[in-house]
């Protein structure tokens, strides 16, 4: 435990280096583009509008404000999936970086997760501006937006720190992750309402650990109410467990995977 605590202290001491790494990667991602970071909103927005059209006009599903429902699930899910996909291979993709500049090893996957959550924050902010009518009922819950963002970030970071060392040893991890994310997407109520499913299926779906995170986001951006304490408690426990386990595993594997790289 002393090792983990000392590494966390180093994490905060060297946070300026992490900030530089994030800014560098953020600029590289949107260099030579006209719209820049707006693509982080336009892509999921386009997908959401297409899905909303299919579900409401072709399949005749009647749900109030269905676009907001999809966007409030699509943006967090894309952030989660993209963070895992990019951070999993980040140690190999940036092997020259830490060898040349001696960047703390965990900074590399962490930077990718931070970038995607910056994109998510921008996307959710623009969603709130364009899809939520200004009223005290809607604005007050919006003030709690950092809560699901922080919990979701810790949860995602923990998994990223777990997967990135595994990828160094086995490249199959990337293919397995893509298949898992595809299955996970359709077993998560991103495009459909959980309440529309049969009761026995709902019980199974509620075992999905992404459901409470989406519930937090949708409480703010779709229902425009305060989130339930049950969902908040579940997300808190999942985030802490994920981060502690992922970080401990990363530190344990660091010495051996540096030899492999």
Protein backbone atom coordinates (compact mmCIF):
# COMPACT_ATOMS: atom_id res chain seq x y z
CA UNK A 1 0.00 0.00 0.00
CA UNK A 2 2.97 2.31 0.67
CA UNK A 3 4.08 1.89 -2.94
CA UNK A 4 0.66 2.86 -4.25
CA UNK A 5 0.45 5.90 -1.96
CA UNK A 6 3.93 7.08 -2.98
CA UNK A 7 3.01 6.72 -6.64
CA UNK A 8 -0.15 8.73 -6.13
CA UNK A 9 1.96 11.47 -4.49
CA UNK A 10 4.31 11.39 -7.49
CA UNK A 11 1.24 11.60 -9.72
CA UNK A 12 0.28 14.92 -8.15
CA UNK A 13 3.86 16.24 -8.00
CA UNK A 14 4.36 15.63 -11.73
CA UNK A 15 0.85 16.75 -12.75
CA UNK A 16 2.35 19.59 -14.82
CA UNK A 17 3.98 17.00 -17.05
CA UNK A 18 0.66 15.19 -17.39
CA UNK A 19 -1.02 18.46 -18.34
CA UNK A 20 1.59 19.05 -21.05
CA UNK A 21 1.06 15.53 -22.39
CA UNK A 22 -2.71 16.01 -22.50
CA UNK A 23 -2.46 19.36 -24.31
CA UNK A 24 0.01 17.92 -26.83
CA UNK A 25 -2.21 14.93 -27.62
CA UNK A 26 -5.32 17.11 -27.73
CA UNK A 27 -3.74 19.43 -30.29
CA UNK A 28 -2.46 16.53 -32.38
CA UNK A 29 -5.90 14.95 -32.45
CA UNK A 30 -7.54 18.01 -34.02
CA UNK A 31 -4.66 19.39 -36.07
CA UNK A 32 -5.47 20.07 -39.75
CA UNK A 33 -9.22 19.93 -39.07
CA UNK A 34 -11.62 22.78 -39.78
CA UNK A 35 -14.15 22.10 -37.02
CA UNK A 36 -11.66 20.85 -34.42
CA UNK A 37 -13.15 19.54 -31.19
CA UNK A 38 -16.67 20.12 -32.56
CA UNK A 39 -16.33 16.72 -34.23
CA UNK A 40 -16.62 15.20 -30.76
CA UNK A 41 -20.20 16.48 -30.68
CA UNK A 42 -21.17 16.27 -34.35
CA UNK A 43 -20.40 12.55 -34.67
CA UNK A 44 -22.52 11.28 -31.75
CA UNK A 45 -25.18 13.89 -32.51
CA UNK A 46 -25.48 12.63 -36.09
CA UNK A 47 -25.68 9.03 -34.90
CA UNK A 48 -28.28 9.98 -32.28
CA UNK A 49 -30.44 11.81 -34.84
CA UNK A 50 -30.32 8.86 -37.24
CA UNK A 51 -31.19 6.36 -34.51
CA UNK A 52 -33.92 8.64 -33.21
CA UNK A 53 -35.43 8.89 -36.69
CA UNK A 54 -35.36 5.11 -37.14
CA UNK A 55 -36.87 4.37 -33.74
CA UNK A 56 -39.55 7.09 -33.78
CA UNK A 57 -40.58 7.25 -37.45
CA UNK A 58 -39.90 3.78 -38.77
CA UNK A 59 -40.30 1.57 -35.69
CA UNK A 60 -42.92 3.97 -34.25
CA UNK A 61 -41.53 4.08 -30.72
CA UNK A 62 -43.05 7.01 -28.86
CA UNK A 63 -40.74 8.52 -26.27
CA UNK A 64 -40.73 12.16 -25.24
CA UNK A 65 -37.51 13.97 -26.14
CA UNK A 66 -35.96 10.79 -27.49
CA UNK A 67 -32.96 12.62 -28.97
CA UNK A 68 -31.89 13.85 -25.52
CA UNK A 69 -32.36 10.34 -24.17
CA UNK A 70 -30.02 8.86 -26.78
CA UNK A 71 -27.42 11.64 -26.59
CA UNK A 72 -27.24 11.40 -22.78
CA UNK A 73 -26.39 7.73 -23.21
CA UNK A 74 -24.37 7.89 -26.43
CA UNK A 75 -21.85 10.54 -25.34
CA UNK A 76 -20.82 8.79 -22.08
CA UNK A 77 -20.68 5.41 -23.84
CA UNK A 78 -18.50 6.67 -26.71
CA UNK A 79 -16.20 8.34 -24.20
CA UNK A 80 -15.91 5.11 -22.22
CA UNK A 81 -15.33 2.88 -25.27
CA UNK A 82 -12.87 5.25 -26.97
CA UNK A 83 -10.90 5.74 -23.75
CA UNK A 84 -10.46 1.98 -23.35
CA UNK A 85 -9.54 1.42 -27.00
CA UNK A 86 -6.96 4.21 -27.12
CA UNK A 87 -5.41 3.70 -23.69
CA UNK A 88 -5.10 -0.08 -24.10
CA UNK A 89 -2.47 0.26 -26.84
CA UNK A 90 -1.01 3.54 -25.56
CA UNK A 91 2.07 2.04 -23.88
CA UNK A 92 3.17 0.41 -27.13
CA UNK A 93 2.17 3.36 -29.32
CA UNK A 94 4.13 5.80 -27.14
CA UNK A 95 7.04 3.61 -26.09
CA UNK A 96 9.54 6.15 -27.39
CA UNK A 97 8.00 8.90 -25.27
CA UNK A 98 8.69 7.44 -21.84
CA UNK A 99 12.08 6.08 -22.94
CA UNK A 100 13.23 9.51 -24.13
CA UNK A 101 11.68 11.78 -21.50
CA UNK A 102 11.18 9.37 -18.59
CA UNK A 103 7.50 10.19 -18.33
CA UNK A 104 5.86 8.38 -15.39
CA UNK A 105 4.52 5.21 -16.97
CA UNK A 106 0.90 5.60 -15.86
CA UNK A 107 0.72 9.10 -17.37
CA UNK A 108 0.49 7.66 -20.88
CA UNK A 109 -2.84 5.78 -20.61
CA UNK A 110 -4.14 8.41 -18.18
CA UNK A 111 -3.61 11.17 -20.75
CA UNK A 112 -5.84 9.39 -23.28
CA UNK A 113 -8.61 8.95 -20.73
CA UNK A 114 -8.41 12.63 -19.73
CA UNK A 115 -8.63 13.77 -23.36
CA UNK A 116 -11.76 11.73 -23.98
CA UNK A 117 -13.39 13.01 -20.82
CA UNK A 118 -12.56 16.58 -21.82
CA UNK A 119 -14.39 15.84 -25.06
CA UNK A 120 -17.29 14.39 -23.07
CA UNK A 121 -17.48 17.50 -20.89
CA UNK A 122 -17.56 19.72 -23.97
CA UNK A 123 -20.20 17.52 -25.59
CA UNK A 124 -22.44 17.45 -22.52
CA UNK A 125 -22.11 21.22 -22.08
CA UNK A 126 -23.19 21.85 -25.68
CA UNK A 127 -26.00 19.33 -25.26
CA UNK A 128 -27.24 21.23 -22.24
CA UNK A 129 -27.13 24.53 -24.16
CA UNK A 130 -29.06 23.25 -27.18
CA UNK A 131 -31.43 20.61 -25.77
CA UNK A 132 -32.32 21.74 -22.26
CA UNK A 133 -34.73 24.60 -21.77
CA UNK A 134 -33.42 27.11 -19.22
CA UNK A 135 -35.43 26.80 -16.02
CA UNK A 136 -34.62 26.41 -12.31
CA UNK A 137 -35.80 22.80 -12.47
CA UNK A 138 -33.24 21.97 -15.18
CA UNK A 139 -30.35 24.22 -14.17
CA UNK A 140 -30.01 23.07 -10.55
CA UNK A 141 -29.34 19.38 -11.45
CA UNK A 142 -26.85 20.56 -14.10
CA UNK A 143 -24.67 21.94 -11.31
CA UNK A 144 -24.05 18.33 -10.27
CA UNK A 145 -22.61 17.35 -13.67
CA UNK A 146 -19.03 17.01 -12.27
CA UNK A 147 -20.19 14.18 -9.98
CA UNK A 148 -20.98 11.55 -12.67
CA UNK A 149 -18.05 12.80 -14.74
CA UNK A 150 -15.55 12.23 -11.93
CA UNK A 151 -16.95 8.84 -10.93
CA UNK A 152 -17.11 7.69 -14.55
CA UNK A 153 -13.55 8.93 -15.09
CA UNK A 154 -12.15 6.94 -12.15
CA UNK A 155 -14.05 3.83 -13.25
CA UNK A 156 -12.71 4.12 -16.82
CA UNK A 157 -9.17 4.95 -15.70
CA UNK A 158 -9.05 1.86 -13.48
CA UNK A 159 -10.01 -0.42 -16.38
CA UNK A 160 -7.52 1.36 -18.67
CA UNK A 161 -4.68 0.81 -16.20
CA UNK A 162 -5.65 -2.85 -16.07
CA UNK A 163 -5.84 -3.39 -19.84
CA UNK A 164 -2.76 -1.46 -20.99
CA UNK A 165 -0.19 -3.79 -19.34
CA UNK A 166 -2.13 -6.83 -20.55
CA UNK A 167 -1.95 -5.54 -24.13
CA UNK A 168 1.84 -5.34 -23.90
CA UNK A 169 1.92 -9.07 -23.18
CA UNK A 170 -0.89 -10.15 -25.51
CA UNK A 171 -2.00 -8.15 -28.56
CA UNK A 172 -5.17 -10.26 -28.62
CA UNK A 173 -6.47 -7.98 -25.87
CA UNK A 174 -7.35 -5.30 -28.43
CA UNK A 175 -9.48 -7.69 -30.51
CA UNK A 176 -11.12 -9.14 -27.41
CA UNK A 177 -11.86 -5.63 -26.15
CA UNK A 178 -13.56 -4.62 -29.41
CA UNK A 179 -15.80 -7.68 -29.28
CA UNK A 180 -16.57 -7.09 -25.61
CA UNK A 181 -17.45 -3.43 -26.23
CA UNK A 182 -19.75 -4.39 -29.10
CA UNK A 183 -21.61 -6.88 -26.92
CA UNK A 184 -21.56 -4.48 -23.98
CA UNK A 185 -23.03 -1.67 -26.09
CA UNK A 186 -26.11 -3.65 -27.11
CA UNK A 187 -26.58 -5.03 -23.62
CA UNK A 188 -26.63 -1.46 -22.26
CA UNK A 189 -29.76 0.71 -22.63
CA UNK A 190 -28.10 3.35 -24.81
CA UNK A 191 -30.62 3.25 -27.68
CA UNK A 192 -33.63 1.80 -25.92
CA UNK A 193 -35.51 2.19 -22.65
CA UNK A 194 -34.90 -0.37 -19.95
CA UNK A 195 -38.50 -0.03 -18.78
CA UNK A 196 -39.76 -1.31 -22.16
CA UNK A 197 -38.11 -4.69 -21.64
CA UNK A 198 -39.81 -7.64 -19.90
CA UNK A 199 -39.34 -7.62 -16.14
CA UNK A 200 -37.14 -10.73 -16.06
CA UNK A 201 -34.79 -9.19 -18.64
CA UNK A 202 -34.68 -5.94 -16.70
CA UNK A 203 -33.34 -7.82 -13.68
CA UNK A 204 -30.50 -9.24 -15.76
CA UNK A 205 -29.74 -5.89 -17.40
CA UNK A 206 -29.49 -4.18 -14.03
CA UNK A 207 -26.42 -6.32 -13.35
CA UNK A 208 -24.71 -4.33 -16.11
CA UNK A 209 -22.23 -2.08 -14.31
CA UNK A 210 -22.63 0.70 -16.90
CA UNK A 211 -26.34 1.12 -16.14
CA UNK A 212 -25.94 3.16 -12.92
CA UNK A 213 -23.51 5.52 -14.66
CA UNK A 214 -25.96 6.15 -17.50
CA UNK A 215 -28.70 6.65 -14.90
CA UNK A 216 -26.68 9.47 -13.35
CA UNK A 217 -26.18 11.20 -16.70
CA UNK A 218 -29.81 10.75 -17.75
CA UNK A 219 -31.10 12.05 -14.44
CA UNK A 220 -29.42 15.36 -15.27
CA UNK A 221 -29.75 15.62 -19.06
CA UNK A 222 -32.95 13.70 -19.79
CA UNK A 223 -35.16 13.65 -16.70
CA UNK A 224 -33.63 16.89 -15.35
CA UNK A 225 -33.87 15.74 -11.75
CA UNK A 226 -31.40 14.86 -9.02
CA UNK A 227 -29.97 11.37 -9.36
CA UNK A 228 -31.01 8.57 -7.05
CA UNK A 229 -28.77 7.82 -4.08
CA UNK A 230 -28.75 4.13 -5.01
CA UNK A 231 -27.15 4.86 -8.38
CA UNK A 232 -24.73 7.32 -6.81
CA UNK A 233 -23.62 4.78 -4.19
CA UNK A 234 -23.16 2.02 -6.80
CA UNK A 235 -21.09 4.30 -9.04
CA UNK A 236 -18.96 5.41 -6.09
CA UNK A 237 -18.21 1.81 -5.09
CA UNK A 238 -17.51 0.71 -8.67
CA UNK A 239 -15.23 3.70 -9.32
CA UNK A 240 -13.15 3.24 -6.18
CA UNK A 241 -12.87 -0.52 -6.70
CA UNK A 242 -11.92 -0.13 -10.37
CA UNK A 243 -9.29 2.54 -9.73
CA UNK A 244 -7.63 0.80 -6.78
CA UNK A 245 -7.49 -2.60 -8.50
CA UNK A 246 -6.40 -1.16 -11.84
CA UNK A 247 -3.68 1.06 -10.38
CA UNK A 248 -2.35 -1.68 -8.09
CA UNK A 249 -2.18 -4.11 -11.03
CA UNK A 250 -0.46 -1.50 -13.22
CA UNK A 251 2.23 -0.83 -10.61
CA UNK A 252 2.80 -4.55 -10.09
CA UNK A 253 3.25 -5.14 -13.83
CA UNK A 254 5.24 -2.01 -14.65
CA UNK A 255 8.77 -3.38 -14.16
CA UNK A 256 8.19 -6.52 -16.22
CA UNK A 257 6.38 -4.84 -19.12
CA UNK A 258 9.11 -2.20 -19.42
CA UNK A 259 11.48 -5.04 -20.19
CA UNK A 260 9.15 -6.34 -22.89
CA UNK A 261 8.75 -2.93 -24.53
